[in-house]
Amino acid sequence: MAVQIRITVSPEINALLEKISKKLGKKKSMLARELMEHKLYDLELIQNQLKEAFNEK
């Protein structure tokens, strides 16, 4: 089940997200979510959680 969250960004980041989302033909919220997920992956937070989950079994 999906969970909604609300984030606050600076006006500059908002303008950048709007510009890029129009170029890519995506909703601004979808672009922000994809960027957040990618950053979590880069920080290896997702991989660490998966490793912990497999090690618990």
Protein backbone atom coordinates (compact mmCIF):
# COMPACT_ATOMS: atom_id res chain seq x y z
CA MET A 1 0.00 0.00 0.00
CA ALA A 2 1.41 3.37 -1.01
CA VAL A 3 1.92 6.07 1.59
CA GLN A 4 1.84 9.76 0.80
CA ILE A 5 4.30 12.19 2.33
CA ARG A 6 4.63 15.92 2.01
CA ILE A 7 7.95 17.65 1.45
CA THR A 8 8.91 21.30 1.51
CA VAL A 9 11.48 22.59 -0.96
CA SER A 10 12.91 26.00 -1.69
CA PRO A 11 11.38 28.07 -4.49
CA GLU A 12 14.50 27.45 -6.57
CA ILE A 13 14.23 23.67 -6.26
CA ASN A 14 10.52 23.86 -7.01
CA ALA A 15 11.19 25.86 -10.19
CA LEU A 16 13.88 23.38 -11.24
CA LEU A 17 11.58 20.40 -10.63
CA GLU A 18 8.82 22.09 -12.65
CA LYS A 19 11.17 22.84 -15.56
CA ILE A 20 12.62 19.33 -15.67
CA SER A 21 9.27 17.61 -15.20
CA LYS A 22 7.84 19.49 -18.18
CA LYS A 23 10.82 18.51 -20.35
CA LEU A 24 10.47 14.86 -19.32
CA GLY A 25 6.68 14.85 -19.49
CA LYS A 26 6.34 13.67 -15.89
CA LYS A 27 4.50 14.99 -12.89
CA LYS A 28 6.65 17.03 -10.55
CA SER A 29 5.77 14.76 -7.65
CA MET A 30 6.80 11.65 -9.61
CA LEU A 31 10.13 13.23 -10.51
CA ALA A 32 10.77 14.19 -6.88
CA ARG A 33 9.95 10.64 -5.75
CA GLU A 34 12.27 9.11 -8.34
CA LEU A 35 15.09 11.44 -7.30
CA MET A 36 14.57 10.58 -3.63
CA GLU A 37 14.55 6.84 -4.34
CA HIS A 38 17.69 7.17 -6.44
CA LYS A 39 19.46 9.05 -3.65
CA LEU A 40 18.50 6.39 -1.11
CA TYR A 41 19.94 3.78 -3.47
CA ASP A 42 23.15 5.80 -3.91
CA LEU A 43 23.55 6.04 -0.14
CA GLU A 44 23.17 2.25 0.02
CA LEU A 45 20.32 2.58 2.51
CA ILE A 46 18.09 0.32 0.44
CA GLN A 47 20.80 -2.31 -0.03
CA ASN A 48 21.56 -2.31 3.71
CA GLN A 49 17.90 -2.80 4.59
CA LEU A 50 17.61 -5.68 2.13
CA LYS A 51 20.73 -7.34 3.52
CA GLU A 52 19.39 -7.02 7.07
CA ALA A 53 16.03 -8.47 6.02
CA PHE A 54 17.68 -11.51 4.42
CA ASN A 55 20.02 -12.03 7.37
CA GLU A 56 17.10 -12.11 9.83
CA LYS A 57 15.59 -15.18 8.17
